[in-house]
Amino acid sequence: MRIIWSLLAVERIEEISDYIADDNPSAANKWVDSVFEKVEMLKGNPQMGRVVPELNVPSIREIIFGNYRIIYRHEQKLLIILTVRSFRQILPIKDVDSDS
């Protein structure tokens, strides 16, 4: 299983990490490492995430990591990490657009 990170997902990881680093740089590094570890778990079971409720599209799923939603698309032997969002934020459709 191959994992591809969208530009948006990478930008979100950087933004969240920078925010955490303002108070605690080592916690920010640990958080980033933990996100990547969580995503790696999807290789063995890409269906482990739930279908994103706002979309109800079986191939677009999410896993909850702390206060964040890691949203991804599963396509055969490929996982595309679309975005990372606070669970408090509404998911804009443009974040999961097929051109992401």
PDB file of N, CA and C in Angstrom:
ATOM      1  N   MET A   1       0.852  -1.171   0.000  1.00  0.00           N
ATOM      2  CA  MET A   1       0.000   0.000   0.000  1.00  0.00           C
ATOM      3  C   MET A   1       0.901   1.239   0.000  1.00  0.00           C
ATOM      4  N   ARG A   2       0.647   2.102  -0.932  1.00  0.00           N
ATOM      5  CA  ARG A   2       1.416   3.342  -1.057  1.00  0.00           C
ATOM      6  C   ARG A   2       0.619   4.500  -0.455  1.00  0.00           C
ATOM      7  N   ILE A   3       1.312   5.406   0.225  1.00  0.00           N
ATOM      8  CA  ILE A   3       0.672   6.571   0.825  1.00  0.00           C
ATOM      9  C   ILE A   3       1.188   7.823   0.128  1.00  0.00           C
ATOM     10  N   ILE A   4       0.256   8.662  -0.292  1.00  0.00           N
ATOM     11  CA  ILE A   4       0.593   9.952  -0.900  1.00  0.00           C
ATOM     12  C   ILE A   4      -0.051  11.039  -0.046  1.00  0.00           C
ATOM     13  N   TRP A   5       0.722  12.058   0.270  1.00  0.00           N
ATOM     14  CA  TRP A   5       0.217  13.196   1.037  1.00  0.00           C
ATOM     15  C   TRP A   5      -0.086  14.334   0.073  1.00  0.00           C
ATOM     16  N   SER A   6      -1.295  14.865   0.115  1.00  0.00           N
ATOM     17  CA  SER A   6      -1.628  16.031  -0.705  1.00  0.00           C
ATOM     18  C   SER A   6      -0.884  17.249  -0.155  1.00  0.00           C
ATOM     19  N   LEU A   7      -0.719  18.227  -1.001  1.00  0.00           N
ATOM     20  CA  LEU A   7      -0.081  19.471  -0.579  1.00  0.00           C
ATOM     21  C   LEU A   7      -0.868  20.103   0.569  1.00  0.00           C
ATOM     22  N   LEU A   8      -2.182  20.072   0.483  1.00  0.00           N
ATOM     23  CA  LEU A   8      -3.022  20.631   1.533  1.00  0.00           C
ATOM     24  C   LEU A   8      -2.765  19.934   2.871  1.00  0.00           C
ATOM     25  N   ALA A   9      -2.674  18.607   2.874  1.00  0.00           N
ATOM     26  CA  ALA A   9      -2.438  17.868   4.112  1.00  0.00           C
ATOM     27  C   ALA A   9      -1.088  18.243   4.714  1.00  0.00           C
ATOM     28  N   VAL A  10      -0.073  18.355   3.877  1.00  0.00           N
ATOM     29  CA  VAL A  10       1.253  18.739   4.368  1.00  0.00           C
ATOM     30  C   VAL A  10       1.215  20.153   4.953  1.00  0.00           C
ATOM     31  N   GLU A  11       0.522  21.065   4.271  1.00  0.00           N
ATOM     32  CA  GLU A  11       0.397  22.438   4.779  1.00  0.00           C
ATOM     33  C   GLU A  11      -0.314  22.453   6.127  1.00  0.00           C
ATOM     34  N   ARG A  12      -1.364  21.666   6.265  1.00  0.00           N
ATOM     35  CA  ARG A  12      -2.108  21.617   7.535  1.00  0.00           C
ATOM     36  C   ARG A  12      -1.224  21.072   8.662  1.00  0.00           C
ATOM     37  N   ILE A  13      -0.453  20.029   8.360  1.00  0.00           N
ATOM     38  CA  ILE A  13       0.454  19.469   9.366  1.00  0.00           C
ATOM     39  C   ILE A  13       1.443  20.542   9.819  1.00  0.00           C
ATOM     40  N   GLU A  14       1.988  21.281   8.878  1.00  0.00           N
ATOM     41  CA  GLU A  14       2.946  22.344   9.214  1.00  0.00           C
ATOM     42  C   GLU A  14       2.288  23.432  10.062  1.00  0.00           C
ATOM     43  N   GLU A  15       1.080  23.863   9.683  1.00  0.00           N
ATOM     44  CA  GLU A  15       0.372  24.898  10.431  1.00  0.00           C
ATOM     45  C   GLU A  15       0.098  24.464  11.869  1.00  0.00           C
ATOM     46  N   ILE A  16      -0.388  23.251  12.028  1.00  0.00           N
ATOM     47  CA  ILE A  16      -0.712  22.740  13.362  1.00  0.00           C
ATOM     48  C   ILE A  16       0.565  22.586  14.177  1.00  0.00           C
ATOM     49  N   SER A  17       1.599  22.057  13.557  1.00  0.00           N
ATOM     50  CA  SER A  17       2.880  21.888  14.239  1.00  0.00           C
ATOM     51  C   SER A  17       3.453  23.231  14.687  1.00  0.00           C
ATOM     52  N   ASP A  18       3.382  24.234  13.822  1.00  0.00           N
ATOM     53  CA  ASP A  18       3.865  25.573  14.182  1.00  0.00           C
ATOM     54  C   ASP A  18       3.092  26.136  15.365  1.00  0.00           C
ATOM     55  N   TYR A  19       1.796  25.913  15.373  1.00  0.00           N
ATOM     56  CA  TYR A  19       0.955  26.390  16.475  1.00  0.00           C
ATOM     57  C   TYR A  19       1.363  25.723  17.785  1.00  0.00           C
ATOM     58  N   ILE A  20       1.536  24.413  17.754  1.00  0.00           N
ATOM     59  CA  ILE A  20       1.943  23.683  18.953  1.00  0.00           C
ATOM     60  C   ILE A  20       3.335  24.129  19.392  1.00  0.00           C
ATOM     61  N   ALA A  21       4.224  24.338  18.437  1.00  0.00           N
ATOM     62  CA  ALA A  21       5.614  24.704  18.730  1.00  0.00           C
ATOM     63  C   ALA A  21       5.734  26.063  19.415  1.00  0.00           C
ATOM     64  N   ASP A  22       4.756  26.925  19.226  1.00  0.00           N
ATOM     65  CA  ASP A  22       4.785  28.218  19.918  1.00  0.00           C
ATOM     66  C   ASP A  22       4.888  28.032  21.423  1.00  0.00           C
ATOM     67  N   ASP A  23       4.244  27.002  21.937  1.00  0.00           N
ATOM     68  CA  ASP A  23       4.283  26.719  23.375  1.00  0.00           C
ATOM     69  C   ASP A  23       5.294  25.631  23.734  1.00  0.00           C
ATOM     70  N   ASN A  24       5.463  24.664  22.832  1.00  0.00           N
ATOM     71  CA  ASN A  24       6.291  23.513  23.188  1.00  0.00           C
ATOM     72  C   ASN A  24       6.852  22.856  21.919  1.00  0.00           C
ATOM     73  N   PRO A  25       8.040  23.247  21.476  1.00  0.00           N
ATOM     74  CA  PRO A  25       8.626  22.699  20.245  1.00  0.00           C
ATOM     75  C   PRO A  25       8.789  21.181  20.248  1.00  0.00           C
ATOM     76  N   SER A  26       9.163  20.615  21.378  1.00  0.00           N
ATOM     77  CA  SER A  26       9.344  19.155  21.396  1.00  0.00           C
ATOM     78  C   SER A  26       7.998  18.435  21.274  1.00  0.00           C
ATOM     79  N   ALA A  27       6.948  19.021  21.836  1.00  0.00           N
ATOM     80  CA  ALA A  27       5.610  18.427  21.692  1.00  0.00           C
ATOM     81  C   ALA A  27       5.159  18.491  20.239  1.00  0.00           C
ATOM     82  N   ALA A  28       5.522  19.558  19.549  1.00  0.00           N
ATOM     83  CA  ALA A  28       5.164  19.684  18.132  1.00  0.00           C
ATOM     84  C   ALA A  28       5.828  18.578  17.320  1.00  0.00           C
ATOM     85  N   ASN A  29       7.103  18.350  17.561  1.00  0.00           N
ATOM     86  CA  ASN A  29       7.820  17.273  16.854  1.00  0.00           C
ATOM     87  C   ASN A  29       7.205  15.916  17.156  1.00  0.00           C
ATOM     88  N   LYS A  30       6.869  15.690  18.408  1.00  0.00           N
ATOM     89  CA  LYS A  30       6.256  14.416  18.809  1.00  0.00           C
ATOM     90  C   LYS A  30       4.895  14.247  18.137  1.00  0.00           C
ATOM     91  N   TRP A  31       4.126  15.343  18.071  1.00  0.00           N
ATOM     92  CA  TRP A  31       2.812  15.286  17.434  1.00  0.00           C
ATOM     93  C   TRP A  31       2.934  14.901  15.961  1.00  0.00           C
ATOM     94  N   VAL A  32       3.858  15.539  15.242  1.00  0.00           N
ATOM     95  CA  VAL A  32       4.057  15.230  13.819  1.00  0.00           C
ATOM     96  C   VAL A  32       4.441  13.767  13.649  1.00  0.00           C
ATOM     97  N   ASP A  33       5.387  13.296  14.449  1.00  0.00           N
ATOM     98  CA  ASP A  33       5.796  11.881  14.366  1.00  0.00           C
ATOM     99  C   ASP A  33       4.606  10.965  14.605  1.00  0.00           C
ATOM    100  N   SER A  34       3.781  11.309  15.580  1.00  0.00           N
ATOM    101  CA  SER A  34       2.620  10.479  15.908  1.00  0.00           C
ATOM    102  C   SER A  34       1.590  10.461  14.780  1.00  0.00           C
ATOM    103  N   VAL A  35       1.413  11.583  14.099  1.00  0.00           N
ATOM    104  CA  VAL A  35       0.489  11.624  12.954  1.00  0.00           C
ATOM    105  C   VAL A  35       0.967  10.663  11.875  1.00  0.00           C
ATOM    106  N   PHE A  36       2.265  10.715  11.560  1.00  0.00           N
ATOM    107  CA  PHE A  36       2.801   9.829  10.532  1.00  0.00           C
ATOM    108  C   PHE A  36       2.694   8.362  10.948  1.00  0.00           C
ATOM    109  N   GLU A  37       2.901   8.070  12.231  1.00  0.00           N
ATOM    110  CA  GLU A  37       2.745   6.697  12.716  1.00  0.00           C
ATOM    111  C   GLU A  37       1.296   6.230  12.574  1.00  0.00           C
ATOM    112  N   LYS A  38       0.371   7.107  12.906  1.00  0.00           N
ATOM    113  CA  LYS A  38      -1.063   6.761  12.803  1.00  0.00           C
ATOM    114  C   LYS A  38      -1.441   6.462  11.348  1.00  0.00           C
ATOM    115  N   VAL A  39      -0.950   7.295  10.441  1.00  0.00           N
ATOM    116  CA  VAL A  39      -1.247   7.086   9.019  1.00  0.00           C
ATOM    117  C   VAL A  39      -0.615   5.786   8.525  1.00  0.00           C
ATOM    118  N   GLU A  40       0.580   5.474   8.986  1.00  0.00           N
ATOM    119  CA  GLU A  40       1.231   4.222   8.581  1.00  0.00           C
ATOM    120  C   GLU A  40       0.388   3.007   8.961  1.00  0.00           C
ATOM    121  N   MET A  41      -0.364   3.099  10.053  1.00  0.00           N
ATOM    122  CA  MET A  41      -1.230   1.998  10.473  1.00  0.00           C
ATOM    123  C   MET A  41      -2.292   1.694   9.425  1.00  0.00           C
ATOM    124  N   LEU A  42      -2.642   2.692   8.631  1.00  0.00           N
ATOM    125  CA  LEU A  42      -3.668   2.490   7.599  1.00  0.00           C
ATOM    126  C   LEU A  42      -3.209   1.523   6.513  1.00  0.00           C
ATOM    127  N   LYS A  43      -1.904   1.376   6.342  1.00  0.00           N
ATOM    128  CA  LYS A  43      -1.395   0.456   5.311  1.00  0.00           C
ATOM    129  C   LYS A  43      -1.939  -0.949   5.512  1.00  0.00           C
ATOM    130  N   GLY A  44      -2.009  -1.388   6.743  1.00  0.00           N
ATOM    131  CA  GLY A  44      -2.481  -2.732   7.049  1.00  0.00           C
ATOM    132  C   GLY A  44      -3.993  -2.872   7.023  1.00  0.00           C
ATOM    133  N   ASN A  45      -4.687  -1.762   7.213  1.00  0.00           N
ATOM    134  CA  ASN A  45      -6.147  -1.811   7.261  1.00  0.00           C
ATOM    135  C   ASN A  45      -6.719  -0.458   6.843  1.00  0.00           C
ATOM    136  N   PRO A  46      -6.755  -0.182   5.554  1.00  0.00           N
ATOM    137  CA  PRO A  46      -7.223   1.133   5.088  1.00  0.00           C
ATOM    138  C   PRO A  46      -8.695   1.402   5.374  1.00  0.00           C
ATOM    139  N   GLN A  47      -9.452   0.367   5.699  1.00  0.00           N
ATOM    140  CA  GLN A  47     -10.878   0.551   6.003  1.00  0.00           C
ATOM    141  C   GLN A  47     -11.111   0.861   7.479  1.00  0.00           C
ATOM    142  N   MET A  48     -10.040   0.982   8.269  1.00  0.00           N
ATOM    143  CA  MET A  48     -10.221   1.187   9.708  1.00  0.00           C
ATOM    144  C   MET A  48     -10.867   2.539  10.039  1.00  0.00           C
ATOM    145  N   GLY A  49     -10.699   3.512   9.167  1.00  0.00           N
ATOM    146  CA  GLY A  49     -11.333   4.806   9.392  1.00  0.00           C
ATOM    147  C   GLY A  49     -12.809   4.748   9.043  1.00  0.00           C
ATOM    148  N   ARG A  50     -13.546   5.666   9.623  1.00  0.00           N
ATOM    149  CA  ARG A  50     -14.979   5.715   9.299  1.00  0.00           C
ATOM    150  C   ARG A  50     -15.191   6.562   8.047  1.00  0.00           C
ATOM    151  N   VAL A  51     -16.300   6.337   7.390  1.00  0.00           N
ATOM    152  CA  VAL A  51     -16.687   7.165   6.245  1.00  0.00           C
ATOM    153  C   VAL A  51     -16.946   8.576   6.769  1.00  0.00           C
ATOM    154  N   VAL A  52     -16.437   9.582   6.063  1.00  0.00           N
ATOM    155  CA  VAL A  52     -16.621  10.972   6.489  1.00  0.00           C
ATOM    156  C   VAL A  52     -18.121  11.290   6.464  1.00  0.00           C
ATOM    157  N   PRO A  53     -18.693  11.639   7.616  1.00  0.00           N
ATOM    158  CA  PRO A  53     -20.148  11.829   7.693  1.00  0.00           C
ATOM    159  C   PRO A  53     -20.698  12.891   6.749  1.00  0.00           C
ATOM    160  N   GLU A  54     -19.952  13.982   6.542  1.00  0.00           N
ATOM    161  CA  GLU A  54     -20.458  15.044   5.687  1.00  0.00           C
ATOM    162  C   GLU A  54     -20.586  14.619   4.231  1.00  0.00           C
ATOM    163  N   LEU A  55     -19.826  13.613   3.834  1.00  0.00           N
ATOM    164  CA  LEU A  55     -19.774  13.228   2.427  1.00  0.00           C
ATOM    165  C   LEU A  55     -20.516  11.935   2.128  1.00  0.00           C
ATOM    166  N   ASN A  56     -20.414  10.974   3.044  1.00  0.00           N
ATOM    167  CA  ASN A  56     -20.999   9.649   2.864  1.00  0.00           C
ATOM    168  C   ASN A  56     -20.530   8.984   1.571  1.00  0.00           C
ATOM    169  N   VAL A  57     -19.231   9.118   1.286  1.00  0.00           N
ATOM    170  CA  VAL A  57     -18.597   8.479   0.128  1.00  0.00           C
ATOM    171  C   VAL A  57     -17.674   7.385   0.682  1.00  0.00           C
ATOM    172  N   PRO A  58     -17.941   6.108   0.364  1.00  0.00           N
ATOM    173  CA  PRO A  58     -17.178   5.016   0.968  1.00  0.00           C
ATOM    174  C   PRO A  58     -15.655   5.095   0.794  1.00  0.00           C
ATOM    175  N   SER A  59     -15.182   5.701  -0.253  1.00  0.00           N
ATOM    176  CA  SER A  59     -13.728   5.754  -0.470  1.00  0.00           C
ATOM    177  C   SER A  59     -13.054   6.908   0.274  1.00  0.00           C
ATOM    178  N   ILE A  60     -13.833   7.828   0.843  1.00  0.00           N
ATOM    179  CA  ILE A  60     -13.260   8.937   1.599  1.00  0.00           C
ATOM    180  C   ILE A  60     -13.568   8.708   3.073  1.00  0.00           C
ATOM    181  N   ARG A  61     -12.502   8.490   3.837  1.00  0.00           N
ATOM    182  CA  ARG A  61     -12.634   8.073   5.224  1.00  0.00           C
ATOM    183  C   ARG A  61     -11.818   8.991   6.122  1.00  0.00           C
ATOM    184  N   GLU A  62     -11.961   8.795   7.416  1.00  0.00           N
ATOM    185  CA  GLU A  62     -11.192   9.583   8.367  1.00  0.00           C
ATOM    186  C   GLU A  62     -10.847   8.749   9.583  1.00  0.00           C
ATOM    187  N   ILE A  63      -9.708   9.099  10.157  1.00  0.00           N
ATOM    188  CA  ILE A  63      -9.355   8.562  11.461  1.00  0.00           C
ATOM    189  C   ILE A  63      -9.215   9.761  12.393  1.00  0.00           C
ATOM    190  N   ILE A  64      -9.604   9.563  13.617  1.00  0.00           N
ATOM    191  CA  ILE A  64      -9.523  10.623  14.614  1.00  0.00           C
ATOM    192  C   ILE A  64      -8.200  10.450  15.354  1.00  0.00           C
ATOM    193  N   PHE A  65      -7.481  11.555  15.470  1.00  0.00           N
ATOM    194  CA  PHE A  65      -6.207  11.557  16.179  1.00  0.00           C
ATOM    195  C   PHE A  65      -6.211  12.756  17.122  1.00  0.00           C
ATOM    196  N   GLY A  66      -6.460  12.495  18.395  1.00  0.00           N
ATOM    197  CA  GLY A  66      -6.581  13.591  19.355  1.00  0.00           C
ATOM    198  C   GLY A  66      -7.742  14.485  18.963  1.00  0.00           C
ATOM    199  N   ASN A  67      -7.454  15.762  18.750  1.00  0.00           N
ATOM    200  CA  ASN A  67      -8.484  16.728  18.366  1.00  0.00           C
ATOM    201  C   ASN A  67      -8.568  16.922  16.858  1.00  0.00           C
ATOM    202  N   TYR A  68      -7.981  16.011  16.107  1.00  0.00           N
ATOM    203  CA  TYR A  68      -7.880  16.189  14.653  1.00  0.00           C
ATOM    204  C   TYR A  68      -8.475  15.022  13.894  1.00  0.00           C
ATOM    205  N   ARG A  69      -8.928  15.349  12.698  1.00  0.00           N
ATOM    206  CA  ARG A  69      -9.442  14.359  11.746  1.00  0.00           C
ATOM    207  C   ARG A  69      -8.408  14.243  10.630  1.00  0.00           C
ATOM    208  N   ILE A  70      -7.928  13.051  10.390  1.00  0.00           N
ATOM    209  CA  ILE A  70      -7.031  12.790   9.262  1.00  0.00           C
ATOM    210  C   ILE A  70      -7.912  12.181   8.181  1.00  0.00           C
ATOM    211  N   ILE A  71      -8.118  12.941   7.133  1.00  0.00           N
ATOM    212  CA  ILE A  71      -9.073  12.546   6.092  1.00  0.00           C
ATOM    213  C   ILE A  71      -8.304  12.030   4.881  1.00  0.00           C
ATOM    214  N   TYR A  72      -8.709  10.862   4.403  1.00  0.00           N
ATOM    215  CA  TYR A  72      -7.982  10.213   3.315  1.00  0.00           C
ATOM    216  C   TYR A  72      -8.932   9.540   2.334  1.00  0.00           C
ATOM    217  N   ARG A  73      -8.397   9.268   1.164  1.00  0.00           N
ATOM    218  CA  ARG A  73      -9.137   8.532   0.131  1.00  0.00           C
ATOM    219  C   ARG A  73      -8.391   7.231  -0.117  1.00  0.00           C
ATOM    220  N   HIS A  74      -9.136   6.141  -0.181  1.00  0.00           N
ATOM    221  CA  HIS A  74      -8.558   4.814  -0.447  1.00  0.00           C
ATOM    222  C   HIS A  74      -8.912   4.402  -1.863  1.00  0.00           C
ATOM    223  N   GLU A  75      -7.883   4.152  -2.656  1.00  0.00           N
ATOM    224  CA  GLU A  75      -8.059   3.712  -4.043  1.00  0.00           C
ATOM    225  C   GLU A  75      -7.169   2.495  -4.274  1.00  0.00           C
ATOM    226  N   GLN A  76      -7.736   1.338  -4.301  1.00  0.00           N
ATOM    227  CA  GLN A  76      -7.032   0.076  -4.507  1.00  0.00           C
ATOM    228  C   GLN A  76      -5.789  -0.003  -3.625  1.00  0.00           C
ATOM    229  N   LYS A  77      -4.591   0.100  -4.170  1.00  0.00           N
ATOM    230  CA  LYS A  77      -3.364  -0.026  -3.370  1.00  0.00           C
ATOM    231  C   LYS A  77      -2.742   1.337  -3.065  1.00  0.00           C
ATOM    232  N   LEU A  78      -3.607   2.343  -2.963  1.00  0.00           N
ATOM    233  CA  LEU A  78      -3.154   3.712  -2.763  1.00  0.00           C
ATOM    234  C   LEU A  78      -3.999   4.406  -1.696  1.00  0.00           C
ATOM    235  N   LEU A  79      -3.318   5.091  -0.785  1.00  0.00           N
ATOM    236  CA  LEU A  79      -3.986   5.949   0.189  1.00  0.00           C
ATOM    237  C   LEU A  79      -3.540   7.372  -0.081  1.00  0.00           C
ATOM    238  N   ILE A  80      -4.488   8.267  -0.238  1.00  0.00           N
ATOM    239  CA  ILE A  80      -4.176   9.672  -0.454  1.00  0.00           C
ATOM    240  C   ILE A  80      -4.657  10.426   0.778  1.00  0.00           C
ATOM    241  N   ILE A  81      -3.703  11.013   1.507  1.00  0.00           N
ATOM    242  CA  ILE A  81      -4.055  11.798   2.677  1.00  0.00           C
ATOM    243  C   ILE A  81      -4.485  13.171   2.157  1.00  0.00           C
ATOM    244  N   LEU A  82      -5.758  13.489   2.317  1.00  0.00           N
ATOM    245  CA  LEU A  82      -6.330  14.690   1.722  1.00  0.00           C
ATOM    246  C   LEU A  82      -6.138  15.930   2.582  1.00  0.00           C
ATOM    247  N   THR A  83      -6.403  15.797   3.875  1.00  0.00           N
ATOM    248  CA  THR A  83      -6.277  16.952   4.766  1.00  0.00           C
ATOM    249  C   THR A  83      -6.263  16.492   6.216  1.00  0.00           C
ATOM    250  N   VAL A  84      -5.880  17.401   7.071  1.00  0.00           N
ATOM    251  CA  VAL A  84      -5.937  17.199   8.521  1.00  0.00           C
ATOM    252  C   VAL A  84      -6.660  18.424   9.070  1.00  0.00           C
ATOM    253  N   ARG A  85      -7.724  18.193   9.820  1.00  0.00           N
ATOM    254  CA  ARG A  85      -8.546  19.305  10.319  1.00  0.00           C
ATOM    255  C   ARG A  85      -8.893  19.079  11.781  1.00  0.00           C
ATOM    256  N   SER A  86      -9.121  20.175  12.466  1.00  0.00           N
ATOM    257  CA  SER A  86      -9.654  20.081  13.815  1.00  0.00           C
ATOM    258  C   SER A  86     -11.036  19.433  13.730  1.00  0.00           C
ATOM    259  N   PHE A  87     -11.358  18.608  14.700  1.00  0.00           N
ATOM    260  CA  PHE A  87     -12.673  17.973  14.663  1.00  0.00           C
ATOM    261  C   PHE A  87     -13.788  18.994  14.866  1.00  0.00           C
ATOM    262  N   ARG A  88     -13.434  20.200  15.277  1.00  0.00           N
ATOM    263  CA  ARG A  88     -14.440  21.256  15.472  1.00  0.00           C
ATOM    264  C   ARG A  88     -14.770  21.996  14.173  1.00  0.00           C
ATOM    265  N   GLN A  89     -13.945  21.821  13.153  1.00  0.00           N
ATOM    266  CA  GLN A  89     -14.146  22.545  11.898  1.00  0.00           C
ATOM    267  C   GLN A  89     -15.037  21.767  10.944  1.00  0.00           C
ATOM    268  N   ILE A  90     -15.847  22.502  10.223  1.00  0.00           N
ATOM    269  CA  ILE A  90     -16.641  21.896   9.159  1.00  0.00           C
ATOM    270  C   ILE A  90     -15.690  21.607   7.995  1.00  0.00           C
ATOM    271  N   LEU A  91     -15.876  20.482   7.364  1.00  0.00           N
ATOM    272  CA  LEU A  91     -15.016  20.077   6.265  1.00  0.00           C
ATOM    273  C   LEU A  91     -15.465  20.731   4.965  1.00  0.00           C
ATOM    274  N   PRO A  92     -14.661  21.648   4.404  1.00  0.00           N
ATOM    275  CA  PRO A  92     -15.017  22.215   3.100  1.00  0.00           C
ATOM    276  C   PRO A  92     -14.843  21.165   2.002  1.00  0.00           C
ATOM    277  N   ILE A  93     -15.781  21.096   1.100  1.00  0.00           N
ATOM    278  CA  ILE A  93     -15.729  20.120   0.014  1.00  0.00           C
ATOM    279  C   ILE A  93     -14.445  20.270  -0.796  1.00  0.00           C
ATOM    280  N   LYS A  94     -13.954  21.502  -0.953  1.00  0.00           N
ATOM    281  CA  LYS A  94     -12.726  21.713  -1.743  1.00  0.00           C
ATOM    282  C   LYS A  94     -11.539  20.972  -1.136  1.00  0.00           C
ATOM    283  N   ASP A  95     -11.570  20.675   0.165  1.00  0.00           N
ATOM    284  CA  ASP A  95     -10.469  19.953   0.808  1.00  0.00           C
ATOM    285  C   ASP A  95     -10.384  18.492   0.376  1.00  0.00           C
ATOM    286  N   VAL A  96     -11.464  17.956  -0.151  1.00  0.00           N
ATOM    287  CA  VAL A  96     -11.471  16.553  -0.573  1.00  0.00           C
ATOM    288  C   VAL A  96     -11.767  16.415  -2.052  1.00  0.00           C
ATOM    289  N   ASP A  97     -11.709  17.509  -2.767  1.00  0.00           N
ATOM    290  CA  ASP A  97     -11.919  17.496  -4.208  1.00  0.00           C
ATOM    291  C   ASP A  97     -10.916  16.549  -4.853  1.00  0.00           C
ATOM    292  N   SER A  98     -11.296  15.894  -5.909  1.00  0.00           N
ATOM    293  CA  SER A  98     -10.428  14.915  -6.570  1.00  0.00           C
ATOM    294  C   SER A  98      -9.163  15.530  -7.124  1.00  0.00           C
ATOM    295  N   ASP A  99      -9.096  16.848  -7.263  1.00  0.00           N
ATOM    296  CA  ASP A  99      -7.888  17.505  -7.757  1.00  0.00           C
ATOM    297  C   ASP A  99      -6.945  17.899  -6.644  1.00  0.00           C
ATOM    298  N   SER A 100      -7.253  17.534  -5.392  1.00  0.00           N
ATOM    299  CA  SER A 100      -6.417  17.905  -4.245  1.00  0.00           C
ATOM    300  C   SER A 100      -5.051  17.302  -4.334  1.00  0.00           C
TER     301      SER A 100
END
